Amino acid sequence: MELGYLALVLHAHLPYVHHPEFPDFLEEDWLYEAITETYIPLLRVFENLTNQGVKFRITISLSPPLLSMFKDSLLQQRYLGKIEKLIDLAEREVERTRWLPQFH
């Protein structure tokens, strides 16, 4: 069987949004959502492929603004705070809907 080739090139960019003067800035949520809903799941897929012995190659280009936001310690702390709030909300929703079978 002949092997085919596929070039998978991903480009990741977000506009630079960082406002340390505000404790909670709406546009920073774009970064937190991208990390949670895109970048972490992608890393998990790559890890699973590797664990399964699947040979793959991928190119990912990350824009300078995105890399700058990734390495910013304040944004890292704020991201962890957002995740803690999401976990708390999820736990409260499980409790709130415990007796509603359509949710479980």
PDB file of N, CA and C in Angstrom:
ATOM      1  N   MET A   1       0.841  -1.170   0.000  1.00  0.00           N
ATOM      2  CA  MET A   1       0.000   0.000   0.000  1.00  0.00           C
ATOM      3  C   MET A   1       0.893   1.242   0.000  1.00  0.00           C
ATOM      4  N   GLU A   2       0.582   2.145  -0.881  1.00  0.00           N
ATOM      5  CA  GLU A   2       1.335   3.397  -0.925  1.00  0.00           C
ATOM      6  C   GLU A   2       0.834   4.338   0.161  1.00  0.00           C
ATOM      7  N   LEU A   3       1.772   5.054   0.723  1.00  0.00           N
ATOM      8  CA  LEU A   3       1.413   6.037   1.734  1.00  0.00           C
ATOM      9  C   LEU A   3       1.104   7.363   1.073  1.00  0.00           C
ATOM     10  N   GLY A   4       0.138   8.049   1.613  1.00  0.00           N
ATOM     11  CA  GLY A   4      -0.166   9.394   1.141  1.00  0.00           C
ATOM     12  C   GLY A   4       0.508  10.409   2.048  1.00  0.00           C
ATOM     13  N   TYR A   5       0.470  11.608   1.625  1.00  0.00           N
ATOM     14  CA  TYR A   5       1.080  12.672   2.407  1.00  0.00           C
ATOM     15  C   TYR A   5       0.071  13.787   2.596  1.00  0.00           C
ATOM     16  N   LEU A   6       0.085  14.327   3.784  1.00  0.00           N
ATOM     17  CA  LEU A   6      -0.806  15.425   4.117  1.00  0.00           C
ATOM     18  C   LEU A   6       0.006  16.457   4.883  1.00  0.00           C
ATOM     19  N   ALA A   7      -0.041  17.676   4.437  1.00  0.00           N
ATOM     20  CA  ALA A   7       0.630  18.757   5.153  1.00  0.00           C
ATOM     21  C   ALA A   7      -0.414  19.482   5.990  1.00  0.00           C
ATOM     22  N   LEU A   8      -0.243  19.403   7.289  1.00  0.00           N
ATOM     23  CA  LEU A   8      -1.152  20.083   8.202  1.00  0.00           C
ATOM     24  C   LEU A   8      -0.403  21.262   8.806  1.00  0.00           C
ATOM     25  N   VAL A   9      -0.859  22.448   8.485  1.00  0.00           N
ATOM     26  CA  VAL A   9      -0.221  23.674   8.963  1.00  0.00           C
ATOM     27  C   VAL A   9      -1.267  24.474   9.720  1.00  0.00           C
ATOM     28  N   LEU A  10      -1.007  24.687  10.996  1.00  0.00           N
ATOM     29  CA  LEU A  10      -1.922  25.456  11.831  1.00  0.00           C
ATOM     30  C   LEU A  10      -1.292  26.805  12.150  1.00  0.00           C
ATOM     31  N   HIS A  11      -2.100  27.830  12.123  1.00  0.00           N
ATOM     32  CA  HIS A  11      -1.624  29.162  12.492  1.00  0.00           C
ATOM     33  C   HIS A  11      -2.475  29.667  13.643  1.00  0.00           C
ATOM     34  N   ALA A  12      -1.824  30.086  14.703  1.00  0.00           N
ATOM     35  CA  ALA A  12      -2.528  30.566  15.888  1.00  0.00           C
ATOM     36  C   ALA A  12      -2.187  32.032  16.115  1.00  0.00           C
ATOM     37  N   HIS A  13      -3.214  32.829  16.251  1.00  0.00           N
ATOM     38  CA  HIS A  13      -3.026  34.257  16.494  1.00  0.00           C
ATOM     39  C   HIS A  13      -4.198  34.787  17.307  1.00  0.00           C
ATOM     40  N   LEU A  14      -3.892  35.667  18.206  1.00  0.00           N
ATOM     41  CA  LEU A  14      -4.892  36.476  18.897  1.00  0.00           C
ATOM     42  C   LEU A  14      -4.325  37.884  18.987  1.00  0.00           C
ATOM     43  N   PRO A  15      -5.188  38.877  18.945  1.00  0.00           N
ATOM     44  CA  PRO A  15      -4.681  40.236  19.145  1.00  0.00           C
ATOM     45  C   PRO A  15      -4.150  40.381  20.570  1.00  0.00           C
ATOM     46  N   TYR A  16      -3.154  41.209  20.726  1.00  0.00           N
ATOM     47  CA  TYR A  16      -2.565  41.414  22.049  1.00  0.00           C
ATOM     48  C   TYR A  16      -3.557  42.151  22.931  1.00  0.00           C
ATOM     49  N   VAL A  17      -3.961  41.482  23.977  1.00  0.00           N
ATOM     50  CA  VAL A  17      -4.893  42.081  24.939  1.00  0.00           C
ATOM     51  C   VAL A  17      -4.343  41.796  26.325  1.00  0.00           C
ATOM     52  N   HIS A  18      -3.955  42.841  27.006  1.00  0.00           N
ATOM     53  CA  HIS A  18      -3.422  42.691  28.359  1.00  0.00           C
ATOM     54  C   HIS A  18      -3.604  44.021  29.070  1.00  0.00           C
ATOM     55  N   HIS A  19      -4.399  44.005  30.102  1.00  0.00           N
ATOM     56  CA  HIS A  19      -4.685  45.237  30.835  1.00  0.00           C
ATOM     57  C   HIS A  19      -4.495  44.998  32.329  1.00  0.00           C
ATOM     58  N   PRO A  20      -3.257  45.109  32.804  1.00  0.00           N
ATOM     59  CA  PRO A  20      -3.006  44.863  34.229  1.00  0.00           C
ATOM     60  C   PRO A  20      -3.694  45.874  35.138  1.00  0.00           C
ATOM     61  N   GLU A  21      -4.122  46.997  34.564  1.00  0.00           N
ATOM     62  CA  GLU A  21      -4.768  48.018  35.391  1.00  0.00           C
ATOM     63  C   GLU A  21      -6.184  47.623  35.797  1.00  0.00           C
ATOM     64  N   PHE A  22      -6.747  46.602  35.149  1.00  0.00           N
ATOM     65  CA  PHE A  22      -8.085  46.114  35.488  1.00  0.00           C
ATOM     66  C   PHE A  22      -7.973  44.698  36.051  1.00  0.00           C
ATOM     67  N   PRO A  23      -8.698  44.409  37.138  1.00  0.00           N
ATOM     68  CA  PRO A  23      -8.621  43.056  37.702  1.00  0.00           C
ATOM     69  C   PRO A  23      -9.261  41.992  36.813  1.00  0.00           C
ATOM     70  N   ASP A  24     -10.223  42.393  35.997  1.00  0.00           N
ATOM     71  CA  ASP A  24     -10.909  41.448  35.115  1.00  0.00           C
ATOM     72  C   ASP A  24     -11.246  42.189  33.831  1.00  0.00           C
ATOM     73  N   PHE A  25     -10.642  41.754  32.734  1.00  0.00           N
ATOM     74  CA  PHE A  25     -10.827  42.450  31.462  1.00  0.00           C
ATOM     75  C   PHE A  25     -11.423  41.473  30.460  1.00  0.00           C
ATOM     76  N   LEU A  26     -12.592  41.788  29.925  1.00  0.00           N
ATOM     77  CA  LEU A  26     -13.366  40.881  29.084  1.00  0.00           C
ATOM     78  C   LEU A  26     -12.554  40.304  27.928  1.00  0.00           C
ATOM     79  N   GLU A  27     -11.803  41.131  27.230  1.00  0.00           N
ATOM     80  CA  GLU A  27     -11.090  40.660  26.047  1.00  0.00           C
ATOM     81  C   GLU A  27      -9.992  39.645  26.378  1.00  0.00           C
ATOM     82  N   GLU A  28      -9.503  39.648  27.622  1.00  0.00           N
ATOM     83  CA  GLU A  28      -8.527  38.631  28.015  1.00  0.00           C
ATOM     84  C   GLU A  28      -9.153  37.241  27.991  1.00  0.00           C
ATOM     85  N   ASP A  29     -10.468  37.173  28.109  1.00  0.00           N
ATOM     86  CA  ASP A  29     -11.161  35.883  28.042  1.00  0.00           C
ATOM     87  C   ASP A  29     -10.925  35.189  26.702  1.00  0.00           C
ATOM     88  N   TRP A  30     -10.661  35.944  25.644  1.00  0.00           N
ATOM     89  CA  TRP A  30     -10.360  35.329  24.344  1.00  0.00           C
ATOM     90  C   TRP A  30      -9.169  34.381  24.484  1.00  0.00           C
ATOM     91  N   LEU A  31      -8.149  34.850  25.191  1.00  0.00           N
ATOM     92  CA  LEU A  31      -6.957  34.028  25.399  1.00  0.00           C
ATOM     93  C   LEU A  31      -7.296  32.800  26.230  1.00  0.00           C
ATOM     94  N   TYR A  32      -8.012  33.003  27.329  1.00  0.00           N
ATOM     95  CA  TYR A  32      -8.333  31.891  28.226  1.00  0.00           C
ATOM     96  C   TYR A  32      -9.189  30.844  27.512  1.00  0.00           C
ATOM     97  N   GLU A  33     -10.130  31.298  26.702  1.00  0.00           N
ATOM     98  CA  GLU A  33     -10.972  30.364  25.949  1.00  0.00           C
ATOM     99  C   GLU A  33     -10.147  29.605  24.909  1.00  0.00           C
ATOM    100  N   ALA A  34      -9.241  30.299  24.247  1.00  0.00           N
ATOM    101  CA  ALA A  34      -8.400  29.640  23.237  1.00  0.00           C
ATOM    102  C   ALA A  34      -7.506  28.581  23.881  1.00  0.00           C
ATOM    103  N   ILE A  35      -6.947  28.895  25.039  1.00  0.00           N
ATOM    104  CA  ILE A  35      -6.106  27.922  25.738  1.00  0.00           C
ATOM    105  C   ILE A  35      -6.924  26.689  26.110  1.00  0.00           C
ATOM    106  N   THR A  36      -8.094  26.930  26.710  1.00  0.00           N
ATOM    107  CA  THR A  36      -8.925  25.839  27.221  1.00  0.00           C
ATOM    108  C   THR A  36      -9.583  25.027  26.116  1.00  0.00           C
ATOM    109  N   GLU A  37     -10.063  25.703  25.084  1.00  0.00           N
ATOM    110  CA  GLU A  37     -10.886  25.034  24.076  1.00  0.00           C
ATOM    111  C   GLU A  37     -10.121  24.630  22.813  1.00  0.00           C
ATOM    112  N   THR A  38      -8.900  25.139  22.648  1.00  0.00           N
ATOM    113  CA  THR A  38      -8.149  24.824  21.430  1.00  0.00           C
ATOM    114  C   THR A  38      -6.766  24.253  21.726  1.00  0.00           C
ATOM    115  N   TYR A  39      -5.917  25.017  22.405  1.00  0.00           N
ATOM    116  CA  TYR A  39      -4.517  24.627  22.531  1.00  0.00           C
ATOM    117  C   TYR A  39      -4.316  23.404  23.416  1.00  0.00           C
ATOM    118  N   ILE A  40      -4.963  23.355  24.572  1.00  0.00           N
ATOM    119  CA  ILE A  40      -4.826  22.181  25.441  1.00  0.00           C
ATOM    120  C   ILE A  40      -5.406  20.938  24.769  1.00  0.00           C
ATOM    121  N   PRO A  41      -6.615  21.011  24.182  1.00  0.00           N
ATOM    122  CA  PRO A  41      -7.110  19.821  23.464  1.00  0.00           C
ATOM    123  C   PRO A  41      -6.184  19.369  22.328  1.00  0.00           C
ATOM    124  N   LEU A  42      -5.594  20.305  21.599  1.00  0.00           N
ATOM    125  CA  LEU A  42      -4.647  19.927  20.540  1.00  0.00           C
ATOM    126  C   LEU A  42      -3.443  19.178  21.108  1.00  0.00           C
ATOM    127  N   LEU A  43      -2.907  19.679  22.201  1.00  0.00           N
ATOM    128  CA  LEU A  43      -1.770  19.004  22.828  1.00  0.00           C
ATOM    129  C   LEU A  43      -2.153  17.597  23.279  1.00  0.00           C
ATOM    130  N   ARG A  44      -3.372  17.443  23.776  1.00  0.00           N
ATOM    131  CA  ARG A  44      -3.837  16.109  24.193  1.00  0.00           C
ATOM    132  C   ARG A  44      -3.945  15.169  22.993  1.00  0.00           C
ATOM    133  N   VAL A  45      -4.442  15.671  21.876  1.00  0.00           N
ATOM    134  CA  VAL A  45      -4.528  14.849  20.662  1.00  0.00           C
ATOM    135  C   VAL A  45      -3.130  14.413  20.233  1.00  0.00           C
ATOM    136  N   PHE A  46      -2.180  15.342  20.217  1.00  0.00           N
ATOM    137  CA  PHE A  46      -0.811  15.008  19.823  1.00  0.00           C
ATOM    138  C   PHE A  46      -0.221  13.963  20.769  1.00  0.00           C
ATOM    139  N   GLU A  47      -0.463  14.125  22.059  1.00  0.00           N
ATOM    140  CA  GLU A  47       0.040  13.170  23.044  1.00  0.00           C
ATOM    141  C   GLU A  47      -0.575  11.786  22.828  1.00  0.00           C
ATOM    142  N   ASN A  48      -1.879  11.738  22.579  1.00  0.00           N
ATOM    143  CA  ASN A  48      -2.545  10.453  22.324  1.00  0.00           C
ATOM    144  C   ASN A  48      -2.004   9.785  21.065  1.00  0.00           C
ATOM    145  N   LEU A  49      -1.805  10.561  20.015  1.00  0.00           N
ATOM    146  CA  LEU A  49      -1.242  10.002  18.783  1.00  0.00           C
ATOM    147  C   LEU A  49       0.145   9.414  19.037  1.00  0.00           C
ATOM    148  N   THR A  50       0.943  10.136  19.776  1.00  0.00           N
ATOM    149  CA  THR A  50       2.289   9.666  20.110  1.00  0.00           C
ATOM    150  C   THR A  50       2.220   8.381  20.929  1.00  0.00           C
ATOM    151  N   ASN A  51       1.343   8.354  21.938  1.00  0.00           N
ATOM    152  CA  ASN A  51       1.201   7.162  22.784  1.00  0.00           C
ATOM    153  C   ASN A  51       0.722   5.948  21.991  1.00  0.00           C
ATOM    154  N   GLN A  52      -0.039   6.188  20.933  1.00  0.00           N
ATOM    155  CA  GLN A  52      -0.544   5.097  20.095  1.00  0.00           C
ATOM    156  C   GLN A  52       0.451   4.699  19.002  1.00  0.00           C
ATOM    157  N   GLY A  53       1.578   5.380  18.977  1.00  0.00           N
ATOM    158  CA  GLY A  53       2.596   5.056  17.987  1.00  0.00           C
ATOM    159  C   GLY A  53       2.301   5.589  16.598  1.00  0.00           C
ATOM    160  N   VAL A  54       1.390   6.532  16.511  1.00  0.00           N
ATOM    161  CA  VAL A  54       1.050   7.122  15.213  1.00  0.00           C
ATOM    162  C   VAL A  54       2.136   8.131  14.843  1.00  0.00           C
ATOM    163  N   LYS A  55       2.705   7.945  13.680  1.00  0.00           N
ATOM    164  CA  LYS A  55       3.709   8.896  13.208  1.00  0.00           C
ATOM    165  C   LYS A  55       2.990  10.044  12.516  1.00  0.00           C
ATOM    166  N   PHE A  56       3.248  11.223  12.978  1.00  0.00           N
ATOM    167  CA  PHE A  56       2.612  12.386  12.367  1.00  0.00           C
ATOM    168  C   PHE A  56       3.575  13.558  12.420  1.00  0.00           C
ATOM    169  N   ARG A  57       3.340  14.470  11.546  1.00  0.00           N
ATOM    170  CA  ARG A  57       4.106  15.720  11.524  1.00  0.00           C
ATOM    171  C   ARG A  57       3.110  16.847  11.421  1.00  0.00           C
ATOM    172  N   ILE A  58       3.437  17.916  12.072  1.00  0.00           N
ATOM    173  CA  ILE A  58       2.538  19.068  12.047  1.00  0.00           C
ATOM    174  C   ILE A  58       3.386  20.327  12.146  1.00  0.00           C
ATOM    175  N   THR A  59       2.918  21.363  11.531  1.00  0.00           N
ATOM    176  CA  THR A  59       3.553  22.669  11.638  1.00  0.00           C
ATOM    177  C   THR A  59       2.563  23.604  12.308  1.00  0.00           C
ATOM    178  N   ILE A  60       3.029  24.266  13.342  1.00  0.00           N
ATOM    179  CA  ILE A  60       2.182  25.245  14.029  1.00  0.00           C
ATOM    180  C   ILE A  60       2.953  26.551  14.071  1.00  0.00           C
ATOM    181  N   SER A  61       2.347  27.595  13.550  1.00  0.00           N
ATOM    182  CA  SER A  61       2.965  28.911  13.682  1.00  0.00           C
ATOM    183  C   SER A  61       2.176  29.677  14.738  1.00  0.00           C
ATOM    184  N   LEU A  62       2.905  30.239  15.667  1.00  0.00           N
ATOM    185  CA  LEU A  62       2.305  31.017  16.751  1.00  0.00           C
ATOM    186  C   LEU A  62       2.747  32.462  16.590  1.00  0.00           C
ATOM    187  N   SER A  63       1.795  33.366  16.585  1.00  0.00           N
ATOM    188  CA  SER A  63       2.118  34.774  16.363  1.00  0.00           C
ATOM    189  C   SER A  63       2.840  35.361  17.580  1.00  0.00           C
ATOM    190  N   PRO A  64       3.668  36.376  17.366  1.00  0.00           N
ATOM    191  CA  PRO A  64       4.361  37.021  18.482  1.00  0.00           C
ATOM    192  C   PRO A  64       3.421  37.540  19.573  1.00  0.00           C
ATOM    193  N   PRO A  65       2.275  38.179  19.236  1.00  0.00           N
ATOM    194  CA  PRO A  65       1.393  38.616  20.323  1.00  0.00           C
ATOM    195  C   PRO A  65       0.894  37.443  21.175  1.00  0.00           C
ATOM    196  N   LEU A  66       0.571  36.334  20.534  1.00  0.00           N
ATOM    197  CA  LEU A  66       0.087  35.172  21.275  1.00  0.00           C
ATOM    198  C   LEU A  66       1.184  34.612  22.176  1.00  0.00           C
ATOM    199  N   LEU A  67       2.387  34.476  21.655  1.00  0.00           N
ATOM    200  CA  LEU A  67       3.500  33.983  22.466  1.00  0.00           C
ATOM    201  C   LEU A  67       3.789  34.909  23.637  1.00  0.00           C
ATOM    202  N   SER A  68       3.691  36.199  23.399  1.00  0.00           N
ATOM    203  CA  SER A  68       3.912  37.171  24.464  1.00  0.00           C
ATOM    204  C   SER A  68       2.874  37.005  25.570  1.00  0.00           C
ATOM    205  N   MET A  69       1.624  36.780  25.186  1.00  0.00           N
ATOM    206  CA  MET A  69       0.576  36.585  26.194  1.00  0.00           C
ATOM    207  C   MET A  69       0.762  35.254  26.920  1.00  0.00           C
ATOM    208  N   PHE A  70       1.205  34.208  26.211  1.00  0.00           N
ATOM    209  CA  PHE A  70       1.451  32.912  26.847  1.00  0.00           C
ATOM    210  C   PHE A  70       2.473  33.031  27.972  1.00  0.00           C
ATOM    211  N   LYS A  71       3.514  33.820  27.762  1.00  0.00           N
ATOM    212  CA  LYS A  71       4.595  33.865  28.745  1.00  0.00           C
ATOM    213  C   LYS A  71       4.396  34.919  29.837  1.00  0.00           C
ATOM    214  N   ASP A  72       3.350  35.717  29.743  1.00  0.00           N
ATOM    215  CA  ASP A  72       3.095  36.758  30.734  1.00  0.00           C
ATOM    216  C   ASP A  72       2.611  36.138  32.053  1.00  0.00           C
ATOM    217  N   SER A  73       3.344  36.370  33.133  1.00  0.00           N
ATOM    218  CA  SER A  73       3.020  35.725  34.415  1.00  0.00           C
ATOM    219  C   SER A  73       1.673  36.184  34.980  1.00  0.00           C
ATOM    220  N   LEU A  74       1.303  37.449  34.768  1.00  0.00           N
ATOM    221  CA  LEU A  74       0.004  37.914  35.262  1.00  0.00           C
ATOM    222  C   LEU A  74      -1.133  37.216  34.515  1.00  0.00           C
ATOM    223  N   LEU A  75      -1.016  37.088  33.204  1.00  0.00           N
ATOM    224  CA  LEU A  75      -2.049  36.392  32.439  1.00  0.00           C
ATOM    225  C   LEU A  75      -2.104  34.914  32.816  1.00  0.00           C
ATOM    226  N   GLN A  76      -0.961  34.321  33.122  1.00  0.00           N
ATOM    227  CA  GLN A  76      -0.951  32.927  33.574  1.00  0.00           C
ATOM    228  C   GLN A  76      -1.723  32.784  34.885  1.00  0.00           C
ATOM    229  N   GLN A  77      -1.480  33.705  35.824  1.00  0.00           N
ATOM    230  CA  GLN A  77      -2.194  33.674  37.106  1.00  0.00           C
ATOM    231  C   GLN A  77      -3.687  33.894  36.900  1.00  0.00           C
ATOM    232  N   ARG A  78      -4.027  34.836  36.048  1.00  0.00           N
ATOM    233  CA  ARG A  78      -5.441  35.109  35.792  1.00  0.00           C
ATOM    234  C   ARG A  78      -6.117  33.915  35.124  1.00  0.00           C
ATOM    235  N   TYR A  79      -5.388  33.231  34.238  1.00  0.00           N
ATOM    236  CA  TYR A  79      -5.954  32.047  33.589  1.00  0.00           C
ATOM    237  C   TYR A  79      -6.280  30.982  34.632  1.00  0.00           C
ATOM    238  N   LEU A  80      -5.356  30.733  35.537  1.00  0.00           N
ATOM    239  CA  LEU A  80      -5.609  29.744  36.584  1.00  0.00           C
ATOM    240  C   LEU A  80      -6.812  30.142  37.433  1.00  0.00           C
ATOM    241  N   GLY A  81      -6.954  31.438  37.701  1.00  0.00           N
ATOM    242  CA  GLY A  81      -8.126  31.912  38.439  1.00  0.00           C
ATOM    243  C   GLY A  81      -9.418  31.653  37.679  1.00  0.00           C
ATOM    244  N   LYS A  82      -9.387  31.872  36.362  1.00  0.00           N
ATOM    245  CA  LYS A  82     -10.579  31.605  35.531  1.00  0.00           C
ATOM    246  C   LYS A  82     -10.936  30.127  35.563  1.00  0.00           C
ATOM    247  N   ILE A  83      -9.924  29.265  35.481  1.00  0.00           N
ATOM    248  CA  ILE A  83     -10.165  27.825  35.511  1.00  0.00           C
ATOM    249  C   ILE A  83     -10.775  27.426  36.853  1.00  0.00           C
ATOM    250  N   GLU A  84     -10.255  27.977  37.941  1.00  0.00           N
ATOM    251  CA  GLU A  84     -10.815  27.669  39.262  1.00  0.00           C
ATOM    252  C   GLU A  84     -12.278  28.096  39.343  1.00  0.00           C
ATOM    253  N   LYS A  85     -12.605  29.254  38.779  1.00  0.00           N
ATOM    254  CA  LYS A  85     -13.998  29.712  38.777  1.00  0.00           C
ATOM    255  C   LYS A  85     -14.880  28.793  37.934  1.00  0.00           C
ATOM    256  N   LEU A  86     -14.370  28.323  36.789  1.00  0.00           N
ATOM    257  CA  LEU A  86     -15.143  27.406  35.945  1.00  0.00           C
ATOM    258  C   LEU A  86     -15.387  26.076  36.651  1.00  0.00           C
ATOM    259  N   ILE A  87     -14.390  25.583  37.355  1.00  0.00           N
ATOM    260  CA  ILE A  87     -14.555  24.334  38.107  1.00  0.00           C
ATOM    261  C   ILE A  87     -15.598  24.517  39.197  1.00  0.00           C
ATOM    262  N   ASP A  88     -15.525  25.638  39.903  1.00  0.00           N
ATOM    263  CA  ASP A  88     -16.507  25.932  40.947  1.00  0.00           C
ATOM    264  C   ASP A  88     -17.918  26.011  40.365  1.00  0.00           C
ATOM    265  N   LEU A  89     -18.059  26.697  39.242  1.00  0.00           N
ATOM    266  CA  LEU A  89     -19.364  26.805  38.588  1.00  0.00           C
ATOM    267  C   LEU A  89     -19.881  25.428  38.178  1.00  0.00           C
ATOM    268  N   ALA A  90     -19.013  24.603  37.615  1.00  0.00           N
ATOM    269  CA  ALA A  90     -19.427  23.260  37.197  1.00  0.00           C
ATOM    270  C   ALA A  90     -19.901  22.438  38.390  1.00  0.00           C
ATOM    271  N   GLU A  91     -19.180  22.522  39.491  1.00  0.00           N
ATOM    272  CA  GLU A  91     -19.585  21.784  40.694  1.00  0.00           C
ATOM    273  C   GLU A  91     -20.933  22.273  41.211  1.00  0.00           C
ATOM    274  N   ARG A  92     -21.144  23.583  41.207  1.00  0.00           N
ATOM    275  CA  ARG A  92     -22.436  24.120  41.662  1.00  0.00           C
ATOM    276  C   ARG A  92     -23.569  23.725  40.728  1.00  0.00           C
ATOM    277  N   GLU A  93     -23.291  23.657  39.420  1.00  0.00           N
ATOM    278  CA  GLU A  93     -24.318  23.242  38.460  1.00  0.00           C
ATOM    279  C   GLU A  93     -24.684  21.768  38.635  1.00  0.00           C
ATOM    280  N   VAL A  94     -23.691  20.935  38.912  1.00  0.00           N
ATOM    281  CA  VAL A  94     -23.979  19.523  39.181  1.00  0.00           C
ATOM    282  C   VAL A  94     -24.900  19.415  40.388  1.00  0.00           C
ATOM    283  N   GLU A  95     -24.595  20.160  41.428  1.00  0.00           N
ATOM    284  CA  GLU A  95     -25.436  20.130  42.631  1.00  0.00           C
ATOM    285  C   GLU A  95     -26.826  20.692  42.349  1.00  0.00           C
ATOM    286  N   ARG A  96     -26.894  21.780  41.636  1.00  0.00           N
ATOM    287  CA  ARG A  96     -28.184  22.417  41.346  1.00  0.00           C
ATOM    288  C   ARG A  96     -29.092  21.513  40.521  1.00  0.00           C
ATOM    289  N   THR A  97     -28.508  20.759  39.616  1.00  0.00           N
ATOM    290  CA  THR A  97     -29.311  19.929  38.714  1.00  0.00           C
ATOM    291  C   THR A  97     -29.334  18.453  39.128  1.00  0.00           C
ATOM    292  N   ARG A  98     -28.855  18.173  40.322  1.00  0.00           N
ATOM    293  CA  ARG A  98     -28.761  16.790  40.789  1.00  0.00           C
ATOM    294  C   ARG A  98     -30.074  16.033  40.649  1.00  0.00           C
ATOM    295  N   TRP A  99     -31.180  16.693  40.896  1.00  0.00           N
ATOM    296  CA  TRP A  99     -32.494  16.032  40.895  1.00  0.00           C
ATOM    297  C   TRP A  99     -33.217  16.184  39.565  1.00  0.00           C
ATOM    298  N   LEU A 100     -32.550  16.687  38.564  1.00  0.00           N
ATOM    299  CA  LEU A 100     -33.170  16.867  37.255  1.00  0.00           C
ATOM    300  C   LEU A 100     -32.572  15.849  36.281  1.00  0.00           C
ATOM    301  N   PRO A 101     -33.292  14.757  36.015  1.00  0.00           N
ATOM    302  CA  PRO A 101     -32.717  13.678  35.198  1.00  0.00           C
ATOM    303  C   PRO A 101     -32.312  14.102  33.791  1.00  0.00           C
ATOM    304  N   GLN A 102     -32.921  15.141  33.238  1.00  0.00           N
ATOM    305  CA  GLN A 102     -32.563  15.559  31.882  1.00  0.00           C
ATOM    306  C   GLN A 102     -31.140  16.124  31.807  1.00  0.00           C
ATOM    307  N   PHE A 103     -30.553  16.418  32.945  1.00  0.00           N
ATOM    308  CA  PHE A 103     -29.186  16.938  32.968  1.00  0.00           C
ATOM    309  C   PHE A 103     -28.144  15.869  33.291  1.00  0.00           C
ATOM    310  N   HIS A 104     -28.586  14.665  33.607  1.00  0.00           N
ATOM    311  CA  HIS A 104     -27.631  13.610  34.013  1.00  0.00           C
ATOM    312  C   HIS A 104     -27.877  12.344  33.250  1.00  0.00           C
TER     313      HIS A 104
END
